[in-house]
Amino acid sequence: MSQLIRLKDIQATHRDLIGDDYYDPTGKTAYGVNEEKIGKIEGALVEDTTGRIRYLIVDVGGWFSSKEVLVPAGLARIVGDDVFFDSLTEAQVEAMEVYDHDYQYSYKEQYEKDRQAFVADSVPEAERMEIADHAYDAPNTLELLEERLTVNKDRIVAGLVKVGKHVVTEERNVDVELEEEHANIQRTNVDRPTDRRIGDVDGNETIEVELEAERARVGKDTYVAEEVNVGKTTERHTETIVETIQREELDIDRDGNVVDREGNIVNRDDITAEEVRRARGM
């Protein structure tokens, strides 16, 4: 009967089997059904003979105040730093036993407990499920992530135009033709008799003639000399934005060998890449 030991213990005692780049889910955020956040991964239990991950130790503090349970590793879907248990419900977790750090678990014993917990009477019938053997295989699908730029546009005030007016004073010269009357005295010698006598009238008799003249009268009328309309036109230009993005690449060559970043095949202490993959449950 194979025993289950904590991943951190096998890392300390069997590193020659699992290598330096063994997958460790500890600390990743855990999500249940409908991608509801339920807590985080506290570690994993692996078989002592093969090193395969069989269970994930999940702190379900998002559903319960304080509880750690063992969830079959095959129910997990790993995406980056997140672990999704797409079918795991709160009722199923409530039916599970609390993980005991001091207890020595065996693969067969825990397998039987799982089959009881997932079909317990406390679990709604719609949420009950039979645990298949492949549910204990560690996820062998690795999702490679990449970042893509998303560019949005915001409208900002790039400038402000104010149009006003002011008064300019200037002198204008205008030529105007004016008329004026001047006195023109004409004396004509006359030789004719008259009944009038000298002294009959006042000797100071005078004749008045009004002389007229034109005078310039200046007035000012206001006219609209110009109209100014202020509008806006839109001009387009292309701006180049430089940003650094990341993507994940698979560390494996065309023959299926695990390689490092320099492309060298990973072999540790005569352990082949195939043995490493088997140890990982791949």
C-alpha atoms as a PDB file:
ATOM      1  CA  MET A   1       0.000   0.000   0.000  1.00  0.00           C
ATOM      2  CA  SER A   2       1.589   3.260  -1.131  1.00  0.00           C
ATOM      3  CA  GLN A   3       1.856   6.015   1.395  1.00  0.00           C
ATOM      4  CA  LEU A   4       1.200   9.691   0.825  1.00  0.00           C
ATOM      5  CA  ILE A   5       3.791  12.162   1.999  1.00  0.00           C
ATOM      6  CA  ARG A   6       3.942  15.919   1.777  1.00  0.00           C
ATOM      7  CA  LEU A   7       5.546  17.411  -1.282  1.00  0.00           C
ATOM      8  CA  LYS A   8       7.921  19.525   0.758  1.00  0.00           C
ATOM      9  CA  ASP A   9       9.220  16.344   2.456  1.00  0.00           C
ATOM     10  CA  ILE A  10       9.903  14.525  -0.816  1.00  0.00           C
ATOM     11  CA  GLN A  11      11.621  17.651  -2.112  1.00  0.00           C
ATOM     12  CA  ALA A  12      14.005  17.415   0.797  1.00  0.00           C
ATOM     13  CA  THR A  13      14.667  13.652   0.591  1.00  0.00           C
ATOM     14  CA  HIS A  14      14.143  12.629  -3.051  1.00  0.00           C
ATOM     15  CA  ARG A  15      15.311  15.586  -5.101  1.00  0.00           C
ATOM     16  CA  ASP A  16      17.334  13.236  -7.287  1.00  0.00           C
ATOM     17  CA  LEU A  17      14.013  11.778  -8.499  1.00  0.00           C
ATOM     18  CA  ILE A  18      11.922  14.890  -9.014  1.00  0.00           C
ATOM     19  CA  GLY A  19      14.613  17.362 -10.097  1.00  0.00           C
ATOM     20  CA  ASP A  20      14.989  21.037  -9.285  1.00  0.00           C
ATOM     21  CA  ASP A  21      12.088  22.267 -11.423  1.00  0.00           C
ATOM     22  CA  TYR A  22       9.384  20.043  -9.933  1.00  0.00           C
ATOM     23  CA  TYR A  23       5.980  21.715 -10.058  1.00  0.00           C
ATOM     24  CA  ASP A  24       4.954  23.088  -6.669  1.00  0.00           C
ATOM     25  CA  PRO A  25       1.411  24.529  -6.385  1.00  0.00           C
ATOM     26  CA  THR A  26       1.923  25.805  -2.829  1.00  0.00           C
ATOM     27  CA  GLY A  27       0.680  29.350  -2.320  1.00  0.00           C
ATOM     28  CA  LYS A  28      -1.475  29.510  -5.438  1.00  0.00           C
ATOM     29  CA  THR A  29      -5.004  30.890  -5.213  1.00  0.00           C
ATOM     30  CA  ALA A  30      -7.765  28.269  -5.282  1.00  0.00           C
ATOM     31  CA  TYR A  31     -11.187  28.650  -6.900  1.00  0.00           C
ATOM     32  CA  GLY A  32     -14.237  26.406  -6.686  1.00  0.00           C
ATOM     33  CA  VAL A  33     -17.311  25.990  -8.848  1.00  0.00           C
ATOM     34  CA  ASN A  34     -18.265  29.085 -10.882  1.00  0.00           C
ATOM     35  CA  GLU A  35     -14.708  30.357 -10.271  1.00  0.00           C
ATOM     36  CA  GLU A  36     -15.584  31.413  -6.724  1.00  0.00           C
ATOM     37  CA  LYS A  37     -12.460  32.122  -4.684  1.00  0.00           C
ATOM     38  CA  ILE A  38     -12.263  29.606  -1.836  1.00  0.00           C
ATOM     39  CA  GLY A  39      -8.743  30.031  -0.455  1.00  0.00           C
ATOM     40  CA  LYS A  40      -5.265  28.888  -1.393  1.00  0.00           C
ATOM     41  CA  ILE A  41      -3.143  25.792  -1.907  1.00  0.00           C
ATOM     42  CA  GLU A  42      -1.176  24.920   1.225  1.00  0.00           C
ATOM     43  CA  GLY A  43       0.757  22.039  -0.305  1.00  0.00           C
ATOM     44  CA  ALA A  44       0.381  18.624  -1.900  1.00  0.00           C
ATOM     45  CA  LEU A  45       0.545  14.909  -1.037  1.00  0.00           C
ATOM     46  CA  VAL A  46       2.542  12.651  -3.340  1.00  0.00           C
ATOM     47  CA  GLU A  47       3.124   8.920  -3.576  1.00  0.00           C
ATOM     48  CA  ASP A  48       6.271   7.910  -1.782  1.00  0.00           C
ATOM     49  CA  THR A  49       7.266   5.475  -4.559  1.00  0.00           C
ATOM     50  CA  THR A  50       6.608   7.491  -7.721  1.00  0.00           C
ATOM     51  CA  GLY A  51       6.614  11.085  -6.551  1.00  0.00           C
ATOM     52  CA  ARG A  52       3.324  11.712  -8.364  1.00  0.00           C
ATOM     53  CA  ILE A  53       1.061  14.364  -6.920  1.00  0.00           C
ATOM     54  CA  ARG A  54      -2.205  12.719  -5.843  1.00  0.00           C
ATOM     55  CA  TYR A  55      -3.824  15.366  -3.612  1.00  0.00           C
ATOM     56  CA  LEU A  56      -3.707  19.103  -3.170  1.00  0.00           C
ATOM     57  CA  ILE A  57      -3.978  20.465   0.356  1.00  0.00           C
ATOM     58  CA  VAL A  58      -6.517  23.267   0.075  1.00  0.00           C
ATOM     59  CA  ASP A  59      -7.246  25.895   2.710  1.00  0.00           C
ATOM     60  CA  VAL A  60     -10.951  26.596   2.096  1.00  0.00           C
ATOM     61  CA  GLY A  61     -11.112  29.669   4.338  1.00  0.00           C
ATOM     62  CA  GLY A  62     -13.269  31.400   1.739  1.00  0.00           C
ATOM     63  CA  TRP A  63     -16.118  28.991   2.524  1.00  0.00           C
ATOM     64  CA  PHE A  64     -15.317  28.061   6.114  1.00  0.00           C
ATOM     65  CA  SER A  65     -13.588  30.021   8.842  1.00  0.00           C
ATOM     66  CA  SER A  66     -10.754  27.524   9.175  1.00  0.00           C
ATOM     67  CA  LYS A  67     -10.544  24.218   7.344  1.00  0.00           C
ATOM     68  CA  GLU A  68      -8.000  22.353   5.242  1.00  0.00           C
ATOM     69  CA  VAL A  69      -9.062  19.441   3.058  1.00  0.00           C
ATOM     70  CA  LEU A  70      -7.516  17.030   0.559  1.00  0.00           C
ATOM     71  CA  VAL A  71      -8.792  17.445  -2.994  1.00  0.00           C
ATOM     72  CA  PRO A  72      -7.846  14.940  -5.724  1.00  0.00           C
ATOM     73  CA  ALA A  73      -5.222  16.533  -7.937  1.00  0.00           C
ATOM     74  CA  GLY A  74      -6.993  15.522 -11.147  1.00  0.00           C
ATOM     75  CA  LEU A  75      -9.898  17.843 -10.361  1.00  0.00           C
ATOM     76  CA  ALA A  76      -7.586  20.845 -10.654  1.00  0.00           C
ATOM     77  CA  ARG A  77      -7.112  23.080 -13.667  1.00  0.00           C
ATOM     78  CA  ILE A  78      -3.985  25.182 -13.365  1.00  0.00           C
ATOM     79  CA  VAL A  79      -3.809  28.563 -15.063  1.00  0.00           C
ATOM     80  CA  GLY A  80      -0.752  30.636 -14.207  1.00  0.00           C
ATOM     81  CA  ASP A  81      -0.789  31.275 -10.465  1.00  0.00           C
ATOM     82  CA  ASP A  82      -4.407  30.127 -10.070  1.00  0.00           C
ATOM     83  CA  VAL A  83      -5.826  26.650  -9.461  1.00  0.00           C
ATOM     84  CA  PHE A  84      -9.438  26.049 -10.515  1.00  0.00           C
ATOM     85  CA  PHE A  85     -11.586  23.181  -9.193  1.00  0.00           C
ATOM     86  CA  ASP A  86     -14.418  23.631 -11.674  1.00  0.00           C
ATOM     87  CA  SER A  87     -16.712  20.982 -10.120  1.00  0.00           C
ATOM     88  CA  LEU A  88     -15.892  21.481  -6.420  1.00  0.00           C
ATOM     89  CA  THR A  89     -18.845  22.776  -4.380  1.00  0.00           C
ATOM     90  CA  GLU A  90     -19.174  24.024  -0.835  1.00  0.00           C
ATOM     91  CA  ALA A  91     -21.367  21.055   0.122  1.00  0.00           C
ATOM     92  CA  GLN A  92     -18.734  18.592  -1.110  1.00  0.00           C
ATOM     93  CA  VAL A  93     -16.022  20.321   0.897  1.00  0.00           C
ATOM     94  CA  GLU A  94     -18.213  20.349   4.001  1.00  0.00           C
ATOM     95  CA  ALA A  95     -18.533  16.561   3.736  1.00  0.00           C
ATOM     96  CA  MET A  96     -14.740  16.114   3.600  1.00  0.00           C
ATOM     97  CA  GLU A  97     -12.632  15.378   6.639  1.00  0.00           C
ATOM     98  CA  VAL A  98     -10.285  18.046   7.972  1.00  0.00           C
ATOM     99  CA  TYR A  99      -6.698  17.441   6.906  1.00  0.00           C
ATOM    100  CA  ASP A 100      -4.506  16.261   9.786  1.00  0.00           C
ATOM    101  CA  HIS A 101      -0.877  17.310   9.417  1.00  0.00           C
ATOM    102  CA  ASP A 102       0.300  14.562  11.792  1.00  0.00           C
ATOM    103  CA  TYR A 103      -1.648  11.670  10.274  1.00  0.00           C
ATOM    104  CA  GLN A 104       0.040   9.194   7.922  1.00  0.00           C
ATOM    105  CA  TYR A 105      -2.265   8.986   4.912  1.00  0.00           C
ATOM    106  CA  SER A 106      -2.310   6.113   2.467  1.00  0.00           C
ATOM    107  CA  TYR A 107      -3.442   6.356  -1.137  1.00  0.00           C
ATOM    108  CA  LYS A 108      -6.008   3.537  -0.876  1.00  0.00           C
ATOM    109  CA  GLU A 109      -7.500   4.715   2.417  1.00  0.00           C
ATOM    110  CA  GLN A 110      -7.976   8.290   1.247  1.00  0.00           C
ATOM    111  CA  TYR A 111      -9.378   7.054  -2.073  1.00  0.00           C
ATOM    112  CA  GLU A 112     -12.204   5.282  -0.220  1.00  0.00           C
ATOM    113  CA  LYS A 113     -12.911   8.368   1.906  1.00  0.00           C
ATOM    114  CA  ASP A 114     -13.240  10.459  -1.232  1.00  0.00           C
ATOM    115  CA  ARG A 115     -15.796   8.109  -2.754  1.00  0.00           C
ATOM    116  CA  GLN A 116     -17.900   8.520   0.372  1.00  0.00           C
ATOM    117  CA  ALA A 117     -17.524  12.300   0.723  1.00  0.00           C
ATOM    118  CA  PHE A 118     -18.533  13.189  -2.824  1.00  0.00           C
ATOM    119  CA  VAL A 119     -21.797  11.200  -2.566  1.00  0.00           C
ATOM    120  CA  ALA A 120     -22.591  11.943   1.088  1.00  0.00           C
ATOM    121  CA  ASP A 121     -26.205  12.502   2.093  1.00  0.00           C
ATOM    122  CA  SER A 122     -25.389  16.108   3.003  1.00  0.00           C
ATOM    123  CA  VAL A 123     -24.378  16.811  -0.600  1.00  0.00           C
ATOM    124  CA  PRO A 124     -27.315  17.829  -2.854  1.00  0.00           C
ATOM    125  CA  GLU A 125     -28.095  15.143  -5.382  1.00  0.00           C
ATOM    126  CA  ALA A 126     -27.239  17.440  -8.288  1.00  0.00           C
ATOM    127  CA  GLU A 127     -23.725  17.952  -6.855  1.00  0.00           C
ATOM    128  CA  ARG A 128     -22.908  14.313  -6.121  1.00  0.00           C
ATOM    129  CA  MET A 129     -20.256  12.754  -8.331  1.00  0.00           C
ATOM    130  CA  GLU A 130     -18.397   9.489  -8.693  1.00  0.00           C
ATOM    131  CA  ILE A 131     -14.640   9.924  -8.499  1.00  0.00           C
ATOM    132  CA  ALA A 132     -12.909   8.298 -11.472  1.00  0.00           C
ATOM    133  CA  ASP A 133      -9.365   6.985 -11.305  1.00  0.00           C
ATOM    134  CA  HIS A 134      -8.044   9.758 -13.525  1.00  0.00           C
ATOM    135  CA  ALA A 135      -9.159  12.289 -10.915  1.00  0.00           C
ATOM    136  CA  TYR A 136      -5.990  11.381  -8.995  1.00  0.00           C
ATOM    137  CA  ASP A 137      -3.641  12.161 -11.840  1.00  0.00           C
ATOM    138  CA  ALA A 138      -1.916  15.516 -11.600  1.00  0.00           C
ATOM    139  CA  PRO A 139      -3.008  17.912 -14.351  1.00  0.00           C
ATOM    140  CA  ASN A 140      -1.002  17.238 -17.501  1.00  0.00           C
ATOM    141  CA  THR A 141      -2.289  20.236 -19.415  1.00  0.00           C
ATOM    142  CA  LEU A 142      -0.029  23.233 -19.129  1.00  0.00           C
ATOM    143  CA  GLU A 143      -1.550  26.487 -20.285  1.00  0.00           C
ATOM    144  CA  LEU A 144       1.001  28.891 -21.746  1.00  0.00           C
ATOM    145  CA  LEU A 145       0.122  32.497 -21.110  1.00  0.00           C
ATOM    146  CA  GLU A 146       1.008  35.598 -23.034  1.00  0.00           C
ATOM    147  CA  GLU A 147       0.308  39.256 -22.564  1.00  0.00           C
ATOM    148  CA  ARG A 148      -1.373  41.261 -25.278  1.00  0.00           C
ATOM    149  CA  LEU A 149      -1.542  45.005 -25.474  1.00  0.00           C
ATOM    150  CA  THR A 150      -4.925  46.613 -25.140  1.00  0.00           C
ATOM    151  CA  VAL A 151      -4.916  50.216 -26.291  1.00  0.00           C
ATOM    152  CA  ASN A 152      -7.786  52.530 -25.412  1.00  0.00           C
ATOM    153  CA  LYS A 153      -8.225  56.201 -26.135  1.00  0.00           C
ATOM    154  CA  ASP A 154      -9.227  58.942 -23.701  1.00  0.00           C
ATOM    155  CA  ARG A 155     -10.290  62.416 -24.757  1.00  0.00           C
ATOM    156  CA  ILE A 156      -8.401  65.184 -22.980  1.00  0.00           C
ATOM    157  CA  VAL A 157      -8.334  68.966 -23.269  1.00  0.00           C
ATOM    158  CA  ALA A 158      -5.317  69.573 -25.482  1.00  0.00           C
ATOM    159  CA  GLY A 159      -5.808  73.311 -25.935  1.00  0.00           C
ATOM    160  CA  LEU A 160      -8.171  76.212 -25.336  1.00  0.00           C
ATOM    161  CA  VAL A 161      -9.038  78.911 -27.867  1.00  0.00           C
ATOM    162  CA  LYS A 162     -10.516  82.207 -26.704  1.00  0.00           C
ATOM    163  CA  VAL A 163     -11.671  84.792 -29.253  1.00  0.00           C
ATOM    164  CA  GLY A 164     -12.400  88.315 -28.036  1.00  0.00           C
ATOM    165  CA  LYS A 165     -12.462  91.838 -29.427  1.00  0.00           C
ATOM    166  CA  HIS A 166     -11.190  95.269 -28.482  1.00  0.00           C
ATOM    167  CA  VAL A 167     -11.629  98.823 -29.744  1.00  0.00           C
ATOM    168  CA  VAL A 168      -8.971 100.419 -31.934  1.00  0.00           C
ATOM    169  CA  THR A 169      -9.058 104.203 -32.275  1.00  0.00           C
ATOM    170  CA  GLU A 170      -7.743 105.861 -35.431  1.00  0.00           C
ATOM    171  CA  GLU A 171      -8.113 109.205 -37.185  1.00  0.00           C
ATOM    172  CA  ARG A 172      -9.768 109.406 -40.580  1.00  0.00           C
ATOM    173  CA  ASN A 173      -9.534 112.402 -42.980  1.00  0.00           C
ATOM    174  CA  VAL A 174     -12.616 113.054 -45.111  1.00  0.00           C
ATOM    175  CA  ASP A 175     -12.766 115.839 -47.714  1.00  0.00           C
ATOM    176  CA  VAL A 176     -16.150 117.658 -47.754  1.00  0.00           C
ATOM    177  CA  GLU A 177     -17.072 120.461 -50.191  1.00  0.00           C
ATOM    178  CA  LEU A 178     -18.793 123.357 -48.376  1.00  0.00           C
ATOM    179  CA  GLU A 179     -20.514 126.474 -49.772  1.00  0.00           C
ATOM    180  CA  GLU A 180     -20.684 129.921 -48.247  1.00  0.00           C
ATOM    181  CA  GLU A 181     -22.129 133.256 -49.373  1.00  0.00           C
ATOM    182  CA  HIS A 182     -20.125 136.453 -49.552  1.00  0.00           C
ATOM    183  CA  ALA A 183     -21.509 140.022 -49.915  1.00  0.00           C
ATOM    184  CA  ASN A 184     -21.226 141.456 -53.393  1.00  0.00           C
ATOM    185  CA  ILE A 185     -21.884 145.174 -53.555  1.00  0.00           C
ATOM    186  CA  GLN A 186     -22.539 146.692 -56.928  1.00  0.00           C
ATOM    187  CA  ARG A 187     -22.953 150.469 -57.388  1.00  0.00           C
ATOM    188  CA  THR A 188     -24.760 151.775 -60.471  1.00  0.00           C
ATOM    189  CA  ASN A 189     -24.958 155.426 -61.501  1.00  0.00           C
ATOM    190  CA  VAL A 190     -28.632 156.484 -61.948  1.00  0.00           C
ATOM    191  CA  ASP A 191     -30.048 159.762 -63.259  1.00  0.00           C
ATOM    192  CA  ARG A 192     -33.813 159.890 -62.718  1.00  0.00           C
ATOM    193  CA  PRO A 193     -36.172 162.256 -60.845  1.00  0.00           C
ATOM    194  CA  THR A 194     -37.858 161.230 -57.549  1.00  0.00           C
ATOM    195  CA  ASP A 195     -40.534 162.592 -55.208  1.00  0.00           C
ATOM    196  CA  ARG A 196     -38.466 161.851 -52.179  1.00  0.00           C
ATOM    197  CA  ARG A 197     -36.771 164.589 -50.257  1.00  0.00           C
ATOM    198  CA  ILE A 198     -33.524 164.450 -48.510  1.00  0.00           C
ATOM    199  CA  GLY A 199     -34.191 164.302 -44.792  1.00  0.00           C
ATOM    200  CA  ASP A 200     -37.583 162.643 -45.168  1.00  0.00           C
ATOM    201  CA  VAL A 201     -36.110 159.454 -43.670  1.00  0.00           C
ATOM    202  CA  ASP A 202     -33.478 158.728 -41.102  1.00  0.00           C
ATOM    203  CA  GLY A 203     -30.142 159.327 -42.543  1.00  0.00           C
ATOM    204  CA  ASN A 204     -28.889 156.104 -40.939  1.00  0.00           C
ATOM    205  CA  GLU A 205     -31.049 153.849 -43.101  1.00  0.00           C
ATOM    206  CA  THR A 206     -29.357 150.480 -43.639  1.00  0.00           C
ATOM    207  CA  ILE A 207     -30.006 147.360 -45.632  1.00  0.00           C
ATOM    208  CA  GLU A 208     -29.339 143.904 -44.103  1.00  0.00           C
ATOM    209  CA  VAL A 209     -28.568 140.882 -46.222  1.00  0.00           C
ATOM    210  CA  GLU A 210     -28.086 137.456 -44.564  1.00  0.00           C
ATOM    211  CA  LEU A 211     -25.058 135.601 -45.778  1.00  0.00           C
ATOM    212  CA  GLU A 212     -25.327 131.803 -45.526  1.00  0.00           C
ATOM    213  CA  ALA A 213     -22.600 129.204 -45.337  1.00  0.00           C
ATOM    214  CA  GLU A 214     -22.457 125.384 -45.084  1.00  0.00           C
ATOM    215  CA  ARG A 215     -20.885 123.863 -42.007  1.00  0.00           C
ATOM    216  CA  ALA A 216     -19.744 120.231 -41.787  1.00  0.00           C
ATOM    217  CA  ARG A 217     -21.744 118.159 -39.332  1.00  0.00           C
ATOM    218  CA  VAL A 218     -19.967 114.923 -38.389  1.00  0.00           C
ATOM    219  CA  GLY A 219     -21.938 111.904 -37.205  1.00  0.00           C
ATOM    220  CA  LYS A 220     -21.034 108.206 -36.781  1.00  0.00           C
ATOM    221  CA  ASP A 221     -23.097 105.193 -37.768  1.00  0.00           C
ATOM    222  CA  THR A 222     -22.188 101.621 -36.786  1.00  0.00           C
ATOM    223  CA  TYR A 223     -21.935  98.883 -39.396  1.00  0.00           C
ATOM    224  CA  VAL A 224     -21.012  95.181 -39.176  1.00  0.00           C
ATOM    225  CA  ALA A 225     -17.637  95.135 -40.926  1.00  0.00           C
ATOM    226  CA  GLU A 226     -16.744  91.422 -40.461  1.00  0.00           C
ATOM    227  CA  GLU A 227     -18.100  88.190 -39.015  1.00  0.00           C
ATOM    228  CA  VAL A 228     -15.872  85.696 -37.218  1.00  0.00           C
ATOM    229  CA  ASN A 229     -16.982  82.064 -36.770  1.00  0.00           C
ATOM    230  CA  VAL A 230     -14.976  79.811 -34.404  1.00  0.00           C
ATOM    231  CA  GLY A 231     -15.224  76.072 -35.149  1.00  0.00           C
ATOM    232  CA  LYS A 232     -13.158  72.890 -34.745  1.00  0.00           C
ATOM    233  CA  THR A 233     -11.587  70.508 -37.227  1.00  0.00           C
ATOM    234  CA  THR A 234     -10.249  67.038 -36.398  1.00  0.00           C
ATOM    235  CA  GLU A 235      -6.843  65.920 -37.622  1.00  0.00           C
ATOM    236  CA  ARG A 236      -5.633  62.327 -37.264  1.00  0.00           C
ATOM    237  CA  HIS A 237      -2.106  61.184 -36.558  1.00  0.00           C
ATOM    238  CA  THR A 238      -0.490  57.895 -35.622  1.00  0.00           C
ATOM    239  CA  GLU A 239       1.407  57.580 -32.349  1.00  0.00           C
ATOM    240  CA  THR A 240       3.686  54.607 -31.693  1.00  0.00           C
ATOM    241  CA  ILE A 241       3.429  53.201 -28.160  1.00  0.00           C
ATOM    242  CA  VAL A 242       6.252  50.983 -26.915  1.00  0.00           C
ATOM    243  CA  GLU A 243       5.426  48.545 -24.096  1.00  0.00           C
ATOM    244  CA  THR A 244       7.075  45.358 -22.837  1.00  0.00           C
ATOM    245  CA  ILE A 245       4.924  42.210 -22.812  1.00  0.00           C
ATOM    246  CA  GLN A 246       5.680  38.684 -21.639  1.00  0.00           C
ATOM    247  CA  ARG A 247       4.752  35.197 -22.800  1.00  0.00           C
ATOM    248  CA  GLU A 248       5.403  31.716 -21.553  1.00  0.00           C
ATOM    249  CA  GLU A 249       7.261  29.201 -23.723  1.00  0.00           C
ATOM    250  CA  LEU A 250       7.372  25.463 -23.329  1.00  0.00           C
ATOM    251  CA  ASP A 251      10.714  24.040 -22.173  1.00  0.00           C
ATOM    252  CA  ILE A 252      10.667  20.937 -24.382  1.00  0.00           C
ATOM    253  CA  ASP A 253      12.360  20.083 -27.696  1.00  0.00           C
ATOM    254  CA  ARG A 254      10.852  18.448 -30.771  1.00  0.00           C
ATOM    255  CA  ASP A 255      11.748  14.956 -29.483  1.00  0.00           C
ATOM    256  CA  GLY A 256       9.851  15.494 -26.243  1.00  0.00           C
ATOM    257  CA  ASN A 257      12.906  16.027 -24.062  1.00  0.00           C
ATOM    258  CA  VAL A 258      12.731  18.506 -21.220  1.00  0.00           C
ATOM    259  CA  VAL A 259      15.262  21.266 -21.855  1.00  0.00           C
ATOM    260  CA  ASP A 260      16.517  24.284 -19.998  1.00  0.00           C
ATOM    261  CA  ARG A 261      16.372  27.866 -21.268  1.00  0.00           C
ATOM    262  CA  GLU A 262      19.580  27.345 -23.285  1.00  0.00           C
ATOM    263  CA  GLY A 263      18.090  24.316 -25.057  1.00  0.00           C
ATOM    264  CA  ASN A 264      20.179  21.699 -23.220  1.00  0.00           C
ATOM    265  CA  ILE A 265      18.458  18.385 -22.422  1.00  0.00           C
ATOM    266  CA  VAL A 266      17.867  18.050 -18.686  1.00  0.00           C
ATOM    267  CA  ASN A 267      19.523  14.925 -17.236  1.00  0.00           C
ATOM    268  CA  ARG A 268      20.268  14.776 -13.527  1.00  0.00           C
ATOM    269  CA  ASP A 269      22.292  11.921 -12.050  1.00  0.00           C
ATOM    270  CA  ASP A 270      21.560   9.603 -14.995  1.00  0.00           C
ATOM    271  CA  ILE A 271      17.807  10.264 -14.746  1.00  0.00           C
ATOM    272  CA  THR A 272      16.376  10.786 -18.221  1.00  0.00           C
ATOM    273  CA  ALA A 273      13.815  13.381 -19.191  1.00  0.00           C
ATOM    274  CA  GLU A 274      11.273  10.578 -19.703  1.00  0.00           C
ATOM    275  CA  GLU A 275      11.705   9.463 -16.104  1.00  0.00           C
ATOM    276  CA  VAL A 276      11.229  13.042 -14.957  1.00  0.00           C
ATOM    277  CA  ARG A 277       7.950  13.260 -16.871  1.00  0.00           C
ATOM    278  CA  ARG A 278       6.740   9.987 -15.377  1.00  0.00           C
ATOM    279  CA  ALA A 279       7.629  11.213 -11.926  1.00  0.00           C
ATOM    280  CA  ARG A 280       5.506  14.270 -12.574  1.00  0.00           C
ATOM    281  CA  GLY A 281       2.555  12.139 -13.603  1.00  0.00           C
ATOM    282  CA  MET A 282       2.711  13.443 -17.179  1.00  0.00           C
END
